[in-house]
Amino acid sequence: MKRFTIPCDFGGQKAPFHIYVGEPDPTKHPLQNQAHWLSNEKGGSIPSEVMESFEKLHNIAKENGVSFEELCVYALGSAAGGGGQDSQAATGSGGGGQNSQATAG
């Protein structure tokens, strides 16, 4: 399981939030449960562009028979210029920075 830090919305305020990526159910959105929990328990939301980015990666992983978890590390690390280490999850704009965290472990 890999951890990514993404900017989430809490009543109009953006704040970093950790999401965890593993091998999701192939019939569900990979962040469905975490988005639901964040909304119900913390009053926050994962931005739609982040949800769409992870959904696209999930579809690519399924179509190509590769690990969703490893594809996220590769794709999001590449988008941030970090090669999968010490990067922030992309938000649809290719964003991310090396000062934020994605832990491989």
C-alpha atoms as a PDB file:
ATOM      1  CA  MET A   1       0.000   0.000   0.000  1.00  0.00           C
ATOM      2  CA  LYS A   2       1.304   3.466  -0.926  1.00  0.00           C
ATOM      3  CA  ARG A   3       0.505   6.789   0.691  1.00  0.00           C
ATOM      4  CA  PHE A   4       0.012  10.000  -1.282  1.00  0.00           C
ATOM      5  CA  THR A   5      -0.654  13.494   0.010  1.00  0.00           C
ATOM      6  CA  ILE A   6      -3.291  15.444  -1.870  1.00  0.00           C
ATOM      7  CA  PRO A   7      -4.903  18.837  -1.320  1.00  0.00           C
ATOM      8  CA  CYS A   8      -8.475  18.309  -0.130  1.00  0.00           C
ATOM      9  CA  ASP A   9     -11.242  20.823   0.413  1.00  0.00           C
ATOM     10  CA  PHE A  10     -12.573  21.379   3.926  1.00  0.00           C
ATOM     11  CA  GLY A  11     -15.326  23.985   3.769  1.00  0.00           C
ATOM     12  CA  GLY A  12     -13.526  26.130   1.207  1.00  0.00           C
ATOM     13  CA  GLN A  13     -10.091  25.697   2.777  1.00  0.00           C
ATOM     14  CA  LYS A  14      -7.485  23.491   1.128  1.00  0.00           C
ATOM     15  CA  ALA A  15      -5.475  21.234   3.416  1.00  0.00           C
ATOM     16  CA  PRO A  16      -3.149  18.302   2.750  1.00  0.00           C
ATOM     17  CA  PHE A  17      -4.650  14.888   3.356  1.00  0.00           C
ATOM     18  CA  HIS A  18      -3.154  11.399   3.065  1.00  0.00           C
ATOM     19  CA  ILE A  19      -4.790   8.849   0.818  1.00  0.00           C
ATOM     20  CA  TYR A  20      -3.732   5.234   0.573  1.00  0.00           C
ATOM     21  CA  VAL A  21      -3.546   3.290  -2.660  1.00  0.00           C
ATOM     22  CA  GLY A  22      -3.474  -0.474  -2.966  1.00  0.00           C
ATOM     23  CA  GLU A  23      -5.167  -2.838  -5.395  1.00  0.00           C
ATOM     24  CA  PRO A  24      -8.833  -1.742  -5.454  1.00  0.00           C
ATOM     25  CA  ASP A  25     -11.906  -3.702  -6.423  1.00  0.00           C
ATOM     26  CA  PRO A  26     -11.891  -3.594 -10.249  1.00  0.00           C
ATOM     27  CA  THR A  27     -15.576  -2.598 -10.331  1.00  0.00           C
ATOM     28  CA  LYS A  28     -15.258   0.430  -8.030  1.00  0.00           C
ATOM     29  CA  HIS A  29     -13.542   3.799  -8.067  1.00  0.00           C
ATOM     30  CA  PRO A  30     -10.145   3.367  -6.393  1.00  0.00           C
ATOM     31  CA  LEU A  31     -10.766   6.217  -3.934  1.00  0.00           C
ATOM     32  CA  GLN A  32     -14.488   5.585  -3.365  1.00  0.00           C
ATOM     33  CA  ASN A  33     -14.252   4.444   0.249  1.00  0.00           C
ATOM     34  CA  GLN A  34     -11.740   7.098   1.264  1.00  0.00           C
ATOM     35  CA  ALA A  35     -13.755   9.876  -0.382  1.00  0.00           C
ATOM     36  CA  HIS A  36     -16.887   8.669   1.401  1.00  0.00           C
ATOM     37  CA  TRP A  37     -15.106   8.520   4.773  1.00  0.00           C
ATOM     38  CA  LEU A  38     -13.516  11.945   4.290  1.00  0.00           C
ATOM     39  CA  SER A  39     -16.902  13.478   3.507  1.00  0.00           C
ATOM     40  CA  ASN A  40     -18.867  11.808   6.291  1.00  0.00           C
ATOM     41  CA  GLU A  41     -16.294  11.888   9.078  1.00  0.00           C
ATOM     42  CA  LYS A  42     -14.247  15.011   8.382  1.00  0.00           C
ATOM     43  CA  GLY A  43     -16.500  17.152   6.197  1.00  0.00           C
ATOM     44  CA  GLY A  44     -13.914  17.220   3.426  1.00  0.00           C
ATOM     45  CA  SER A  45     -13.815  16.311  -0.224  1.00  0.00           C
ATOM     46  CA  ILE A  46     -11.249  15.047  -2.670  1.00  0.00           C
ATOM     47  CA  PRO A  47     -11.147  17.420  -5.671  1.00  0.00           C
ATOM     48  CA  SER A  48     -12.865  16.067  -8.788  1.00  0.00           C
ATOM     49  CA  GLU A  49      -9.682  16.382 -10.852  1.00  0.00           C
ATOM     50  CA  VAL A  50      -7.869  14.112  -8.377  1.00  0.00           C
ATOM     51  CA  MET A  51     -10.737  11.599  -8.455  1.00  0.00           C
ATOM     52  CA  GLU A  52     -10.656  11.654 -12.264  1.00  0.00           C
ATOM     53  CA  SER A  53      -6.874  11.212 -12.366  1.00  0.00           C
ATOM     54  CA  PHE A  54      -7.005   8.144 -10.133  1.00  0.00           C
ATOM     55  CA  GLU A  55      -9.936   6.719 -12.080  1.00  0.00           C
ATOM     56  CA  LYS A  56      -7.978   7.085 -15.338  1.00  0.00           C
ATOM     57  CA  LEU A  57      -4.963   5.362 -13.788  1.00  0.00           C
ATOM     58  CA  HIS A  58      -7.211   2.569 -12.509  1.00  0.00           C
ATOM     59  CA  ASN A  59      -8.643   2.026 -15.994  1.00  0.00           C
ATOM     60  CA  ILE A  60      -5.161   1.993 -17.546  1.00  0.00           C
ATOM     61  CA  ALA A  61      -3.988  -0.549 -14.964  1.00  0.00           C
ATOM     62  CA  LYS A  62      -6.982  -2.827 -15.643  1.00  0.00           C
ATOM     63  CA  GLU A  63      -6.649  -2.554 -19.442  1.00  0.00           C
ATOM     64  CA  ASN A  64      -2.938  -3.386 -19.340  1.00  0.00           C
ATOM     65  CA  GLY A  65      -2.969  -5.947 -16.553  1.00  0.00           C
ATOM     66  CA  VAL A  66      -0.539  -4.002 -14.374  1.00  0.00           C
ATOM     67  CA  SER A  67      -0.514  -3.119 -10.693  1.00  0.00           C
ATOM     68  CA  PHE A  68      -2.608  -0.043  -9.967  1.00  0.00           C
ATOM     69  CA  GLU A  69      -0.465   0.723  -6.941  1.00  0.00           C
ATOM     70  CA  GLU A  70       2.790   0.636  -8.903  1.00  0.00           C
ATOM     71  CA  LEU A  71       1.276   2.581 -11.804  1.00  0.00           C
ATOM     72  CA  CYS A  72       0.294   5.358  -9.384  1.00  0.00           C
ATOM     73  CA  VAL A  73       3.809   5.489  -7.952  1.00  0.00           C
ATOM     74  CA  TYR A  74       5.279   5.678 -11.450  1.00  0.00           C
ATOM     75  CA  ALA A  75       2.757   8.117 -12.955  1.00  0.00           C
ATOM     76  CA  LEU A  76       2.431  10.487 -10.017  1.00  0.00           C
ATOM     77  CA  GLY A  77       6.138  10.387  -9.260  1.00  0.00           C
ATOM     78  CA  SER A  78       6.895  11.181 -12.898  1.00  0.00           C
ATOM     79  CA  ALA A  79       4.362  14.030 -12.929  1.00  0.00           C
ATOM     80  CA  ALA A  80       6.105  15.548  -9.913  1.00  0.00           C
ATOM     81  CA  GLY A  81       9.564  14.882 -11.278  1.00  0.00           C
ATOM     82  CA  GLY A  82      10.383  12.559  -8.412  1.00  0.00           C
ATOM     83  CA  GLY A  83      10.395   9.177 -10.121  1.00  0.00           C
ATOM     84  CA  GLY A  84       7.893   7.822  -7.600  1.00  0.00           C
ATOM     85  CA  GLN A  85       9.617   9.016  -4.447  1.00  0.00           C
ATOM     86  CA  ASP A  86       8.812  12.057  -2.301  1.00  0.00           C
ATOM     87  CA  SER A  87       6.104  13.364  -4.593  1.00  0.00           C
ATOM     88  CA  GLN A  88       2.634  14.768  -4.230  1.00  0.00           C
ATOM     89  CA  ALA A  89      -0.283  13.234  -6.054  1.00  0.00           C
ATOM     90  CA  ALA A  90      -1.131  14.924  -9.333  1.00  0.00           C
ATOM     91  CA  THR A  91      -4.276  16.999  -9.380  1.00  0.00           C
ATOM     92  CA  GLY A  92      -5.027  16.835 -13.079  1.00  0.00           C
ATOM     93  CA  SER A  93      -2.713  19.736 -13.878  1.00  0.00           C
ATOM     94  CA  GLY A  94       0.455  17.667 -13.651  1.00  0.00           C
ATOM     95  CA  GLY A  95       1.037  19.336 -10.311  1.00  0.00           C
ATOM     96  CA  GLY A  96       2.933  18.137  -7.350  1.00  0.00           C
ATOM     97  CA  GLY A  97       6.070  19.007  -5.564  1.00  0.00           C
ATOM     98  CA  GLN A  98       9.040  17.299  -4.082  1.00  0.00           C
ATOM     99  CA  ASN A  99       8.425  18.876  -0.694  1.00  0.00           C
ATOM    100  CA  SER A 100       5.285  16.828  -0.203  1.00  0.00           C
ATOM    101  CA  GLN A 101       5.260  13.136   0.533  1.00  0.00           C
ATOM    102  CA  ALA A 102       4.432   9.877  -1.078  1.00  0.00           C
ATOM    103  CA  THR A 103       5.782   7.031   0.931  1.00  0.00           C
ATOM    104  CA  ALA A 104       6.637   3.728  -0.614  1.00  0.00           C
ATOM    105  CA  GLY A 105       5.825   1.396   2.157  1.00  0.00           C
END
